[in-house]
Amino acid sequence: MTRGRAQDLNVCGVTAAIAVIDGKWKTGLLWLLEQGPQRPGALRRQLPGLSEKVLTQALREMADDGLVHREVHDVLPLKTEYSLTPFGQDLADALAPLSDWGHRRLDRLGGDLLPAAR
């Protein structure tokens, strides 16, 4: 899905919402930022495999979409923190039932992997 789909007024709401969180890292970032403001280094440590470049790009897109707030503290060295905006928290709240469904699905899959009862 392209970033342009996030602003296309002629798509269903679910498609518009998914376009905003599309990608490998954005849902994880959203989940981590729900716990409170985070510095970029802390976010990277909690998501192994996430490069600095991709982190910066994802956070920039999320900020452009109004999901996260970037705050730069005027200290040396510069200290940057990211936090969810109220709009971002709304999205996180809306995704909570989907997360619950996903966990139920994983539980079902795990049950399917258990040996059959005799």
PDB file of N, CA and C in Angstrom:
ATOM      1  N   MET A   1       0.857  -1.168   0.000  1.00  0.00           N
ATOM      2  CA  MET A   1       0.000   0.000   0.000  1.00  0.00           C
ATOM      3  C   MET A   1       0.905   1.235   0.000  1.00  0.00           C
ATOM      4  N   THR A   2       0.542   2.228  -0.743  1.00  0.00           N
ATOM      5  CA  THR A   2       1.381   3.414  -0.824  1.00  0.00           C
ATOM      6  C   THR A   2       0.960   4.451   0.201  1.00  0.00           C
ATOM      7  N   ARG A   3       1.878   5.358   0.516  1.00  0.00           N
ATOM      8  CA  ARG A   3       1.578   6.436   1.459  1.00  0.00           C
ATOM      9  C   ARG A   3       0.439   7.300   0.943  1.00  0.00           C
ATOM     10  N   GLY A   4       0.306   7.433  -0.362  1.00  0.00           N
ATOM     11  CA  GLY A   4      -0.748   8.253  -0.929  1.00  0.00           C
ATOM     12  C   GLY A   4      -2.140   7.756  -0.573  1.00  0.00           C
ATOM     13  N   ARG A   5      -2.265   6.445  -0.333  1.00  0.00           N
ATOM     14  CA  ARG A   5      -3.577   5.883   0.037  1.00  0.00           C
ATOM     15  C   ARG A   5      -4.054   6.419   1.372  1.00  0.00           C
ATOM     16  N   ALA A   6      -3.131   6.897   2.214  1.00  0.00           N
ATOM     17  CA  ALA A   6      -3.517   7.426   3.518  1.00  0.00           C
ATOM     18  C   ALA A   6      -4.295   8.724   3.378  1.00  0.00           C
ATOM     19  N   GLN A   7      -4.167   9.397   2.239  1.00  0.00           N
ATOM     20  CA  GLN A   7      -4.859  10.668   2.047  1.00  0.00           C
ATOM     21  C   GLN A   7      -5.903  10.617   0.936  1.00  0.00           C
ATOM     22  N   ASP A   8      -6.135   9.455   0.371  1.00  0.00           N
ATOM     23  CA  ASP A   8      -7.127   9.304  -0.683  1.00  0.00           C
ATOM     24  C   ASP A   8      -8.513   9.319  -0.042  1.00  0.00           C
ATOM     25  N   LEU A   9      -9.323  10.303  -0.395  1.00  0.00           N
ATOM     26  CA  LEU A   9     -10.646  10.445   0.204  1.00  0.00           C
ATOM     27  C   LEU A   9     -11.653   9.431  -0.340  1.00  0.00           C
ATOM     28  N   ASN A  10     -11.275   8.685  -1.375  1.00  0.00           N
ATOM     29  CA  ASN A  10     -12.193   7.747  -2.012  1.00  0.00           C
ATOM     30  C   ASN A  10     -11.903   6.291  -1.657  1.00  0.00           C
ATOM     31  N   VAL A  11     -11.400   6.049  -0.447  1.00  0.00           N
ATOM     32  CA  VAL A  11     -11.183   4.685   0.015  1.00  0.00           C
ATOM     33  C   VAL A  11     -11.975   4.487   1.295  1.00  0.00           C
ATOM     34  N   CYS A  12     -12.177   3.236   1.668  1.00  0.00           N
ATOM     35  CA  CYS A  12     -12.894   2.987   2.924  1.00  0.00           C
ATOM     36  C   CYS A  12     -12.013   3.390   4.107  1.00  0.00           C
ATOM     37  N   GLY A  13     -12.621   3.620   5.233  1.00  0.00           N
ATOM     38  CA  GLY A  13     -11.904   4.070   6.423  1.00  0.00           C
ATOM     39  C   GLY A  13     -10.849   3.100   6.903  1.00  0.00           C
ATOM     40  N   VAL A  14     -11.134   1.802   6.774  1.00  0.00           N
ATOM     41  CA  VAL A  14     -10.158   0.796   7.207  1.00  0.00           C
ATOM     42  C   VAL A  14      -8.901   0.892   6.347  1.00  0.00           C
ATOM     43  N   THR A  15      -9.080   1.065   5.055  1.00  0.00           N
ATOM     44  CA  THR A  15      -7.931   1.202   4.158  1.00  0.00           C
ATOM     45  C   THR A  15      -7.120   2.436   4.509  1.00  0.00           C
ATOM     46  N   ALA A  16      -7.802   3.541   4.793  1.00  0.00           N
ATOM     47  CA  ALA A  16      -7.110   4.779   5.170  1.00  0.00           C
ATOM     48  C   ALA A  16      -6.341   4.597   6.479  1.00  0.00           C
ATOM     49  N   ALA A  17      -6.917   3.864   7.419  1.00  0.00           N
ATOM     50  CA  ALA A  17      -6.243   3.631   8.699  1.00  0.00           C
ATOM     51  C   ALA A  17      -5.036   2.718   8.516  1.00  0.00           C
ATOM     52  N   ILE A  18      -5.195   1.669   7.741  1.00  0.00           N
ATOM     53  CA  ILE A  18      -4.091   0.733   7.525  1.00  0.00           C
ATOM     54  C   ILE A  18      -2.942   1.414   6.790  1.00  0.00           C
ATOM     55  N   ALA A  19      -3.261   2.322   5.887  1.00  0.00           N
ATOM     56  CA  ALA A  19      -2.212   3.041   5.159  1.00  0.00           C
ATOM     57  C   ALA A  19      -1.314   3.821   6.112  1.00  0.00           C
ATOM     58  N   VAL A  20      -1.860   4.283   7.219  1.00  0.00           N
ATOM     59  CA  VAL A  20      -1.093   5.065   8.191  1.00  0.00           C
ATOM     60  C   VAL A  20      -0.152   4.175   9.006  1.00  0.00           C
ATOM     61  N   ILE A  21      -0.542   2.924   9.232  1.00  0.00           N
ATOM     62  CA  ILE A  21       0.291   2.022  10.045  1.00  0.00           C
ATOM     63  C   ILE A  21       0.962   0.950   9.218  1.00  0.00           C
ATOM     64  N   ASP A  22       0.881   1.080   7.898  1.00  0.00           N
ATOM     65  CA  ASP A  22       1.465   0.093   7.007  1.00  0.00           C
ATOM     66  C   ASP A  22       2.978   0.042   7.200  1.00  0.00           C
ATOM     67  N   GLY A  23       3.528  -1.123   7.106  1.00  0.00           N
ATOM     68  CA  GLY A  23       4.966  -1.303   7.233  1.00  0.00           C
ATOM     69  C   GLY A  23       5.299  -2.214   8.392  1.00  0.00           C
ATOM     70  N   LYS A  24       6.536  -2.600   8.445  1.00  0.00           N
ATOM     71  CA  LYS A  24       6.982  -3.597   9.421  1.00  0.00           C
ATOM     72  C   LYS A  24       7.065  -3.040  10.844  1.00  0.00           C
ATOM     73  N   TRP A  25       7.355  -1.751  11.010  1.00  0.00           N
ATOM     74  CA  TRP A  25       7.730  -1.242  12.317  1.00  0.00           C
ATOM     75  C   TRP A  25       6.711  -0.328  12.992  1.00  0.00           C
ATOM     76  N   LYS A  26       5.783   0.236  12.262  1.00  0.00           N
ATOM     77  CA  LYS A  26       4.928   1.283  12.827  1.00  0.00           C
ATOM     78  C   LYS A  26       4.025   0.794  13.951  1.00  0.00           C
ATOM     79  N   THR A  27       3.475  -0.407  13.837  1.00  0.00           N
ATOM     80  CA  THR A  27       2.617  -0.879  14.924  1.00  0.00           C
ATOM     81  C   THR A  27       3.439  -1.125  16.186  1.00  0.00           C
ATOM     82  N   GLY A  28       4.641  -1.632  16.031  1.00  0.00           N
ATOM     83  CA  GLY A  28       5.522  -1.812  17.194  1.00  0.00           C
ATOM     84  C   GLY A  28       5.894  -0.485  17.827  1.00  0.00           C
ATOM     85  N   LEU A  29       6.186   0.506  16.999  1.00  0.00           N
ATOM     86  CA  LEU A  29       6.501   1.837  17.520  1.00  0.00           C
ATOM     87  C   LEU A  29       5.297   2.436  18.243  1.00  0.00           C
ATOM     88  N   LEU A  30       4.134   2.271  17.665  1.00  0.00           N
ATOM     89  CA  LEU A  30       2.911   2.771  18.294  1.00  0.00           C
ATOM     90  C   LEU A  30       2.722   2.123  19.661  1.00  0.00           C
ATOM     91  N   TRP A  31       2.925   0.823  19.723  1.00  0.00           N
ATOM     92  CA  TRP A  31       2.774   0.084  20.975  1.00  0.00           C
ATOM     93  C   TRP A  31       3.783   0.562  22.026  1.00  0.00           C
ATOM     94  N   LEU A  32       5.037   0.757  21.627  1.00  0.00           N
ATOM     95  CA  LEU A  32       6.055   1.215  22.570  1.00  0.00           C
ATOM     96  C   LEU A  32       5.769   2.632  23.050  1.00  0.00           C
ATOM     97  N   LEU A  33       5.319   3.488  22.148  1.00  0.00           N
ATOM     98  CA  LEU A  33       5.045   4.872  22.528  1.00  0.00           C
ATOM     99  C   LEU A  33       3.795   4.995  23.398  1.00  0.00           C
ATOM    100  N   GLU A  34       2.943   3.985  23.377  1.00  0.00           N
ATOM    101  CA  GLU A  34       1.795   3.968  24.294  1.00  0.00           C
ATOM    102  C   GLU A  34       2.260   3.924  25.746  1.00  0.00           C
ATOM    103  N   GLN A  35       3.444   3.401  25.966  1.00  0.00           N
ATOM    104  CA  GLN A  35       3.980   3.275  27.323  1.00  0.00           C
ATOM    105  C   GLN A  35       4.563   4.582  27.841  1.00  0.00           C
ATOM    106  N   GLY A  36       4.697   5.581  26.969  1.00  0.00           N
ATOM    107  CA  GLY A  36       5.216   6.881  27.376  1.00  0.00           C
ATOM    108  C   GLY A  36       6.278   7.373  26.414  1.00  0.00           C
ATOM    109  N   PRO A  37       6.737   8.614  26.617  1.00  0.00           N
ATOM    110  CA  PRO A  37       7.751   9.190  25.720  1.00  0.00           C
ATOM    111  C   PRO A  37       9.004   8.324  25.681  1.00  0.00           C
ATOM    112  N   GLN A  38       9.587   8.257  24.488  1.00  0.00           N
ATOM    113  CA  GLN A  38      10.771   7.410  24.286  1.00  0.00           C
ATOM    114  C   GLN A  38      11.792   8.156  23.441  1.00  0.00           C
ATOM    115  N   ARG A  39      13.042   7.921  23.739  1.00  0.00           N
ATOM    116  CA  ARG A  39      14.122   8.435  22.903  1.00  0.00           C
ATOM    117  C   ARG A  39      14.368   7.440  21.766  1.00  0.00           C
ATOM    118  N   PRO A  40      14.874   7.935  20.625  1.00  0.00           N
ATOM    119  CA  PRO A  40      15.080   7.040  19.479  1.00  0.00           C
ATOM    120  C   PRO A  40      15.953   5.827  19.793  1.00  0.00           C
ATOM    121  N   GLY A  41      17.006   6.021  20.556  1.00  0.00           N
ATOM    122  CA  GLY A  41      17.883   4.899  20.899  1.00  0.00           C
ATOM    123  C   GLY A  41      17.163   3.820  21.680  1.00  0.00           C
ATOM    124  N   ALA A  42      16.284   4.237  22.586  1.00  0.00           N
ATOM    125  CA  ALA A  42      15.514   3.265  23.369  1.00  0.00           C
ATOM    126  C   ALA A  42      14.554   2.497  22.471  1.00  0.00           C
ATOM    127  N   LEU A  43      13.947   3.190  21.519  1.00  0.00           N
ATOM    128  CA  LEU A  43      13.043   2.510  20.591  1.00  0.00           C
ATOM    129  C   LEU A  43      13.802   1.464  19.779  1.00  0.00           C
ATOM    130  N   ARG A  44      14.988   1.823  19.305  1.00  0.00           N
ATOM    131  CA  ARG A  44      15.785   0.880  18.502  1.00  0.00           C
ATOM    132  C   ARG A  44      16.193  -0.341  19.312  1.00  0.00           C
ATOM    133  N   ARG A  45      16.555  -0.142  20.568  1.00  0.00           N
ATOM    134  CA  ARG A  45      16.957  -1.273  21.409  1.00  0.00           C
ATOM    135  C   ARG A  45      15.802  -2.241  21.643  1.00  0.00           C
ATOM    136  N   GLN A  46      14.585  -1.722  21.657  1.00  0.00           N
ATOM    137  CA  GLN A  46      13.422  -2.566  21.923  1.00  0.00           C
ATOM    138  C   GLN A  46      12.879  -3.255  20.672  1.00  0.00           C
ATOM    139  N   LEU A  47      13.364  -2.829  19.507  1.00  0.00           N
ATOM    140  CA  LEU A  47      12.935  -3.437  18.244  1.00  0.00           C
ATOM    141  C   LEU A  47      14.165  -3.895  17.465  1.00  0.00           C
ATOM    142  N   PRO A  48      14.742  -5.038  17.849  1.00  0.00           N
ATOM    143  CA  PRO A  48      15.944  -5.522  17.168  1.00  0.00           C
ATOM    144  C   PRO A  48      15.724  -5.647  15.665  1.00  0.00           C
ATOM    145  N   GLY A  49      16.715  -5.220  14.919  1.00  0.00           N
ATOM    146  CA  GLY A  49      16.635  -5.275  13.468  1.00  0.00           C
ATOM    147  C   GLY A  49      16.193  -3.973  12.831  1.00  0.00           C
ATOM    148  N   LEU A  50      15.709  -3.049  13.634  1.00  0.00           N
ATOM    149  CA  LEU A  50      15.269  -1.744  13.132  1.00  0.00           C
ATOM    150  C   LEU A  50      16.481  -0.840  12.978  1.00  0.00           C
ATOM    151  N   SER A  51      16.744  -0.394  11.759  1.00  0.00           N
ATOM    152  CA  SER A  51      17.896   0.480  11.518  1.00  0.00           C
ATOM    153  C   SER A  51      17.553   1.916  11.878  1.00  0.00           C
ATOM    154  N   GLU A  52      18.588   2.705  12.103  1.00  0.00           N
ATOM    155  CA  GLU A  52      18.382   4.116  12.443  1.00  0.00           C
ATOM    156  C   GLU A  52      17.664   4.845  11.314  1.00  0.00           C
ATOM    157  N   LYS A  53      18.045   4.533  10.086  1.00  0.00           N
ATOM    158  CA  LYS A  53      17.428   5.189   8.923  1.00  0.00           C
ATOM    159  C   LYS A  53      15.934   4.885   8.848  1.00  0.00           C
ATOM    160  N   VAL A  54      15.566   3.618   8.994  1.00  0.00           N
ATOM    161  CA  VAL A  54      14.166   3.221   8.904  1.00  0.00           C
ATOM    162  C   VAL A  54      13.382   3.773  10.092  1.00  0.00           C
ATOM    163  N   LEU A  55      13.992   3.779  11.274  1.00  0.00           N
ATOM    164  CA  LEU A  55      13.345   4.367  12.446  1.00  0.00           C
ATOM    165  C   LEU A  55      13.032   5.836  12.198  1.00  0.00           C
ATOM    166  N   THR A  56      14.018   6.580  11.715  1.00  0.00           N
ATOM    167  CA  THR A  56      13.829   8.001  11.447  1.00  0.00           C
ATOM    168  C   THR A  56      12.711   8.214  10.431  1.00  0.00           C
ATOM    169  N   GLN A  57      12.705   7.413   9.375  1.00  0.00           N
ATOM    170  CA  GLN A  57      11.680   7.542   8.340  1.00  0.00           C
ATOM    171  C   GLN A  57      10.288   7.230   8.897  1.00  0.00           C
ATOM    172  N   ALA A  58      10.180   6.151   9.665  1.00  0.00           N
ATOM    173  CA  ALA A  58       8.879   5.761  10.215  1.00  0.00           C
ATOM    174  C   ALA A  58       8.362   6.825  11.181  1.00  0.00           C
ATOM    175  N   LEU A  59       9.242   7.324  12.063  1.00  0.00           N
ATOM    176  CA  LEU A  59       8.814   8.349  13.013  1.00  0.00           C
ATOM    177  C   LEU A  59       8.433   9.639  12.293  1.00  0.00           C
ATOM    178  N   ARG A  60       9.149   9.981  11.250  1.00  0.00           N
ATOM    179  CA  ARG A  60       8.818  11.177  10.473  1.00  0.00           C
ATOM    180  C   ARG A  60       7.442  11.033   9.827  1.00  0.00           C
ATOM    181  N   GLU A  61       7.176   9.865   9.239  1.00  0.00           N
ATOM    182  CA  GLU A  61       5.867   9.631   8.623  1.00  0.00           C
ATOM    183  C   GLU A  61       4.762   9.658   9.674  1.00  0.00           C
ATOM    184  N   MET A  62       5.027   9.055  10.825  1.00  0.00           N
ATOM    185  CA  MET A  62       4.026   9.047  11.886  1.00  0.00           C
ATOM    186  C   MET A  62       3.768  10.459  12.410  1.00  0.00           C
ATOM    187  N   ALA A  63       4.808  11.273  12.459  1.00  0.00           N
ATOM    188  CA  ALA A  63       4.637  12.676  12.860  1.00  0.00           C
ATOM    189  C   ALA A  63       3.838  13.433  11.799  1.00  0.00           C
ATOM    190  N   ASP A  64       4.152  13.198  10.529  1.00  0.00           N
ATOM    191  CA  ASP A  64       3.412  13.846   9.441  1.00  0.00           C
ATOM    192  C   ASP A  64       1.935  13.465   9.469  1.00  0.00           C
ATOM    193  N   ASP A  65       1.638  12.240   9.910  1.00  0.00           N
ATOM    194  CA  ASP A  65       0.254  11.774   9.995  1.00  0.00           C
ATOM    195  C   ASP A  65      -0.422  12.203  11.300  1.00  0.00           C
ATOM    196  N   GLY A  66       0.314  12.911  12.146  1.00  0.00           N
ATOM    197  CA  GLY A  66      -0.264  13.421  13.390  1.00  0.00           C
ATOM    198  C   GLY A  66      -0.336  12.410  14.513  1.00  0.00           C
ATOM    199  N   LEU A  67       0.392  11.298  14.394  1.00  0.00           N
ATOM    200  CA  LEU A  67       0.342  10.250  15.414  1.00  0.00           C
ATOM    201  C   LEU A  67       1.343  10.462  16.540  1.00  0.00           C
ATOM    202  N   VAL A  68       2.500  11.022  16.213  1.00  0.00           N
ATOM    203  CA  VAL A  68       3.537  11.223  17.229  1.00  0.00           C
ATOM    204  C   VAL A  68       3.983  12.676  17.248  1.00  0.00           C
ATOM    205  N   HIS A  69       4.464  13.067  18.409  1.00  0.00           N
ATOM    206  CA  HIS A  69       5.024  14.403  18.617  1.00  0.00           C
ATOM    207  C   HIS A  69       6.528  14.242  18.848  1.00  0.00           C
ATOM    208  N   ARG A  70       7.300  15.053  18.176  1.00  0.00           N
ATOM    209  CA  ARG A  70       8.762  15.050  18.321  1.00  0.00           C
ATOM    210  C   ARG A  70       9.155  16.278  19.135  1.00  0.00           C
ATOM    211  N   GLU A  71       9.840  16.047  20.232  1.00  0.00           N
ATOM    212  CA  GLU A  71      10.284  17.152  21.073  1.00  0.00           C
ATOM    213  C   GLU A  71      11.806  17.104  21.201  1.00  0.00           C
ATOM    214  N   VAL A  72      12.438  18.219  20.853  1.00  0.00           N
ATOM    215  CA  VAL A  72      13.891  18.333  20.958  1.00  0.00           C
ATOM    216  C   VAL A  72      14.183  19.229  22.152  1.00  0.00           C
ATOM    217  N   HIS A  73      14.903  18.687  23.130  1.00  0.00           N
ATOM    218  CA  HIS A  73      15.274  19.445  24.321  1.00  0.00           C
ATOM    219  C   HIS A  73      16.569  20.194  24.042  1.00  0.00           C
ATOM    220  N   ASP A  74      16.626  21.430  24.444  1.00  0.00           N
ATOM    221  CA  ASP A  74      17.766  22.307  24.165  1.00  0.00           C
ATOM    222  C   ASP A  74      18.890  22.079  25.177  1.00  0.00           C
ATOM    223  N   VAL A  75      19.505  20.913  25.070  1.00  0.00           N
ATOM    224  CA  VAL A  75      20.654  20.566  25.904  1.00  0.00           C
ATOM    225  C   VAL A  75      21.719  19.995  24.984  1.00  0.00           C
ATOM    226  N   LEU A  76      22.942  19.957  25.471  1.00  0.00           N
ATOM    227  CA  LEU A  76      24.020  19.340  24.701  1.00  0.00           C
ATOM    228  C   LEU A  76      24.427  18.051  25.379  1.00  0.00           C
ATOM    229  N   PRO A  77      24.509  16.951  24.679  1.00  0.00           N
ATOM    230  CA  PRO A  77      24.063  16.764  23.303  1.00  0.00           C
ATOM    231  C   PRO A  77      22.536  16.857  23.229  1.00  0.00           C
ATOM    232  N   LEU A  78      22.029  17.150  22.031  1.00  0.00           N
ATOM    233  CA  LEU A  78      20.593  17.283  21.848  1.00  0.00           C
ATOM    234  C   LEU A  78      19.878  16.009  22.302  1.00  0.00           C
ATOM    235  N   LYS A  79      18.769  16.204  22.945  1.00  0.00           N
ATOM    236  CA  LYS A  79      17.959  15.082  23.432  1.00  0.00           C
ATOM    237  C   LYS A  79      16.599  15.163  22.732  1.00  0.00           C
ATOM    238  N   THR A  80      16.271  14.126  21.982  1.00  0.00           N
ATOM    239  CA  THR A  80      15.003  14.077  21.258  1.00  0.00           C
ATOM    240  C   THR A  80      14.136  12.994  21.865  1.00  0.00           C
ATOM    241  N   GLU A  81      12.871  13.320  22.074  1.00  0.00           N
ATOM    242  CA  GLU A  81      11.908  12.349  22.573  1.00  0.00           C
ATOM    243  C   GLU A  81      10.679  12.342  21.677  1.00  0.00           C
ATOM    244  N   TYR A  82      10.110  11.162  21.537  1.00  0.00           N
ATOM    245  CA  TYR A  82       8.879  11.003  20.778  1.00  0.00           C
ATOM    246  C   TYR A  82       7.789  10.524  21.725  1.00  0.00           C
ATOM    247  N   SER A  83       6.588  11.026  21.499  1.00  0.00           N
ATOM    248  CA  SER A  83       5.439  10.609  22.296  1.00  0.00           C
ATOM    249  C   SER A  83       4.214  10.564  21.394  1.00  0.00           C
ATOM    250  N   LEU A  84       3.204   9.834  21.837  1.00  0.00           N
ATOM    251  CA  LEU A  84       1.955   9.786  21.085  1.00  0.00           C
ATOM    252  C   LEU A  84       1.194  11.086  21.266  1.00  0.00           C
ATOM    253  N   THR A  85       0.590  11.545  20.196  1.00  0.00           N
ATOM    254  CA  THR A  85      -0.341  12.664  20.271  1.00  0.00           C
ATOM    255  C   THR A  85      -1.700  12.098  20.699  1.00  0.00           C
ATOM    256  N   PRO A  86      -2.639  12.946  21.063  1.00  0.00           N
ATOM    257  CA  PRO A  86      -3.990  12.424  21.341  1.00  0.00           C
ATOM    258  C   PRO A  86      -4.567  11.654  20.137  1.00  0.00           C
ATOM    259  N   PHE A  87      -4.280  12.109  18.924  1.00  0.00           N
ATOM    260  CA  PHE A  87      -4.742  11.417  17.716  1.00  0.00           C
ATOM    261  C   PHE A  87      -4.085  10.042  17.608  1.00  0.00           C
ATOM    262  N   GLY A  88      -2.806   9.958  17.954  1.00  0.00           N
ATOM    263  CA  GLY A  88      -2.100   8.683  17.964  1.00  0.00           C
ATOM    264  C   GLY A  88      -2.655   7.747  19.021  1.00  0.00           C
ATOM    265  N   GLN A  89      -3.006   8.296  20.185  1.00  0.00           N
ATOM    266  CA  GLN A  89      -3.608   7.488  21.245  1.00  0.00           C
ATOM    267  C   GLN A  89      -4.973   6.971  20.801  1.00  0.00           C
ATOM    268  N   ASP A  90      -5.726   7.807  20.067  1.00  0.00           N
ATOM    269  CA  ASP A  90      -7.010   7.359  19.514  1.00  0.00           C
ATOM    270  C   ASP A  90      -6.803   6.134  18.617  1.00  0.00           C
ATOM    271  N   LEU A  91      -5.766   6.180  17.777  1.00  0.00           N
ATOM    272  CA  LEU A  91      -5.475   5.047  16.895  1.00  0.00           C
ATOM    273  C   LEU A  91      -5.096   3.824  17.721  1.00  0.00           C
ATOM    274  N   ALA A  92      -4.261   4.004  18.722  1.00  0.00           N
ATOM    275  CA  ALA A  92      -3.857   2.882  19.574  1.00  0.00           C
ATOM    276  C   ALA A  92      -5.083   2.270  20.256  1.00  0.00           C
ATOM    277  N   ASP A  93      -5.987   3.115  20.727  1.00  0.00           N
ATOM    278  CA  ASP A  93      -7.213   2.614  21.364  1.00  0.00           C
ATOM    279  C   ASP A  93      -8.076   1.851  20.357  1.00  0.00           C
ATOM    280  N   ALA A  94      -8.140   2.366  19.125  1.00  0.00           N
ATOM    281  CA  ALA A  94      -8.935   1.707  18.090  1.00  0.00           C
ATOM    282  C   ALA A  94      -8.328   0.356  17.702  1.00  0.00           C
ATOM    283  N   LEU A  95      -7.005   0.238  17.790  1.00  0.00           N
ATOM    284  CA  LEU A  95      -6.336  -1.015  17.420  1.00  0.00           C
ATOM    285  C   LEU A  95      -6.372  -2.056  18.535  1.00  0.00           C
ATOM    286  N   ALA A  96      -6.710  -1.672  19.757  1.00  0.00           N
ATOM    287  CA  ALA A  96      -6.714  -2.604  20.887  1.00  0.00           C
ATOM    288  C   ALA A  96      -7.607  -3.824  20.627  1.00  0.00           C
ATOM    289  N   PRO A  97      -8.845  -3.662  20.134  1.00  0.00           N
ATOM    290  CA  PRO A  97      -9.651  -4.857  19.848  1.00  0.00           C
ATOM    291  C   PRO A  97      -9.038  -5.733  18.747  1.00  0.00           C
ATOM    292  N   LEU A  98      -8.398  -5.119  17.780  1.00  0.00           N
ATOM    293  CA  LEU A  98      -7.731  -5.898  16.734  1.00  0.00           C
ATOM    294  C   LEU A  98      -6.569  -6.692  17.331  1.00  0.00           C
ATOM    295  N   SER A  99      -5.849  -6.079  18.263  1.00  0.00           N
ATOM    296  CA  SER A  99      -4.767  -6.772  18.958  1.00  0.00           C
ATOM    297  C   SER A  99      -5.309  -7.962  19.747  1.00  0.00           C
ATOM    298  N   ASP A 100      -6.425  -7.744  20.424  1.00  0.00           N
ATOM    299  CA  ASP A 100      -7.044  -8.840  21.177  1.00  0.00           C
ATOM    300  C   ASP A 100      -7.416  -9.993  20.246  1.00  0.00           C
ATOM    301  N   TRP A 101      -7.991  -9.646  19.088  1.00  0.00           N
ATOM    302  CA  TRP A 101      -8.349 -10.663  18.106  1.00  0.00           C
ATOM    303  C   TRP A 101      -7.098 -11.422  17.651  1.00  0.00           C
ATOM    304  N   GLY A 102      -6.016 -10.679  17.408  1.00  0.00           N
ATOM    305  CA  GLY A 102      -4.766 -11.305  16.981  1.00  0.00           C
ATOM    306  C   GLY A 102      -4.234 -12.288  18.007  1.00  0.00           C
ATOM    307  N   HIS A 103      -4.334 -11.919  19.296  1.00  0.00           N
ATOM    308  CA  HIS A 103      -3.883 -12.836  20.347  1.00  0.00           C
ATOM    309  C   HIS A 103      -4.759 -14.086  20.393  1.00  0.00           C
ATOM    310  N   ARG A 104      -6.071 -13.903  20.210  1.00  0.00           N
ATOM    311  CA  ARG A 104      -6.959 -15.080  20.172  1.00  0.00           C
ATOM    312  C   ARG A 104      -6.603 -15.975  18.989  1.00  0.00           C
ATOM    313  N   ARG A 105      -6.278 -15.380  17.857  1.00  0.00           N
ATOM    314  CA  ARG A 105      -5.870 -16.157  16.687  1.00  0.00           C
ATOM    315  C   ARG A 105      -4.602 -16.945  16.980  1.00  0.00           C
ATOM    316  N   LEU A 106      -3.637 -16.278  17.616  1.00  0.00           N
ATOM    317  CA  LEU A 106      -2.384 -16.969  17.955  1.00  0.00           C
ATOM    318  C   LEU A 106      -2.639 -18.114  18.925  1.00  0.00           C
ATOM    319  N   ASP A 107      -3.554 -17.901  19.883  1.00  0.00           N
ATOM    320  CA  ASP A 107      -3.910 -18.974  20.815  1.00  0.00           C
ATOM    321  C   ASP A 107      -4.509 -20.163  20.061  1.00  0.00           C
ATOM    322  N   ARG A 108      -5.371 -19.884  19.075  1.00  0.00           N
ATOM    323  CA  ARG A 108      -5.968 -20.947  18.270  1.00  0.00           C
ATOM    324  C   ARG A 108      -4.906 -21.690  17.481  1.00  0.00           C
ATOM    325  N   LEU A 109      -3.980 -20.939  16.890  1.00  0.00           N
ATOM    326  CA  LEU A 109      -2.905 -21.568  16.137  1.00  0.00           C
ATOM    327  C   LEU A 109      -2.055 -22.434  17.039  1.00  0.00           C
ATOM    328  N   GLY A 110      -1.789 -21.939  18.251  1.00  0.00           N
ATOM    329  CA  GLY A 110      -1.016 -22.720  19.210  1.00  0.00           C
ATOM    330  C   GLY A 110      -1.748 -23.989  19.606  1.00  0.00           C
ATOM    331  N   GLY A 111      -3.065 -23.908  19.736  1.00  0.00           N
ATOM    332  CA  GLY A 111      -3.873 -25.074  20.056  1.00  0.00           C
ATOM    333  C   GLY A 111      -3.849 -26.096  18.943  1.00  0.00           C
ATOM    334  N   ASP A 112      -3.781 -25.597  17.695  1.00  0.00           N
ATOM    335  CA  ASP A 112      -3.718 -26.509  16.544  1.00  0.00           C
ATOM    336  C   ASP A 112      -2.390 -27.251  16.487  1.00  0.00           C
ATOM    337  N   LEU A 113      -1.369 -26.683  17.125  1.00  0.00           N
ATOM    338  CA  LEU A 113      -0.053 -27.312  17.075  1.00  0.00           C
ATOM    339  C   LEU A 113       0.133 -28.360  18.170  1.00  0.00           C
ATOM    340  N   LEU A 114      -0.809 -28.390  19.127  1.00  0.00           N
ATOM    341  CA  LEU A 114      -0.714 -29.373  20.194  1.00  0.00           C
ATOM    342  C   LEU A 114      -1.061 -30.753  19.645  1.00  0.00           C
ATOM    343  N   PRO A 115      -0.465 -31.804  20.218  1.00  0.00           N
ATOM    344  CA  PRO A 115      -0.808 -33.153  19.757  1.00  0.00           C
ATOM    345  C   PRO A 115      -2.298 -33.411  19.972  1.00  0.00           C
ATOM    346  N   ALA A 116      -2.893 -34.139  19.069  1.00  0.00           N
ATOM    347  CA  ALA A 116      -4.317 -34.456  19.158  1.00  0.00           C
ATOM    348  C   ALA A 116      -4.571 -35.308  20.390  1.00  0.00           C
ATOM    349  N   ALA A 117      -5.660 -34.995  21.089  1.00  0.00           N
ATOM    350  CA  ALA A 117      -6.036 -35.772  22.278  1.00  0.00           C
ATOM    351  C   ALA A 117      -6.562 -37.132  21.828  1.00  0.00           C
ATOM    352  N   ARG A 118      -6.240 -38.159  22.572  1.00  0.00           N
ATOM    353  CA  ARG A 118      -6.683 -39.516  22.203  1.00  0.00           C
ATOM    354  C   ARG A 118      -7.860 -39.916  23.004  1.00  0.00           C
TER     355      ARG A 118
END
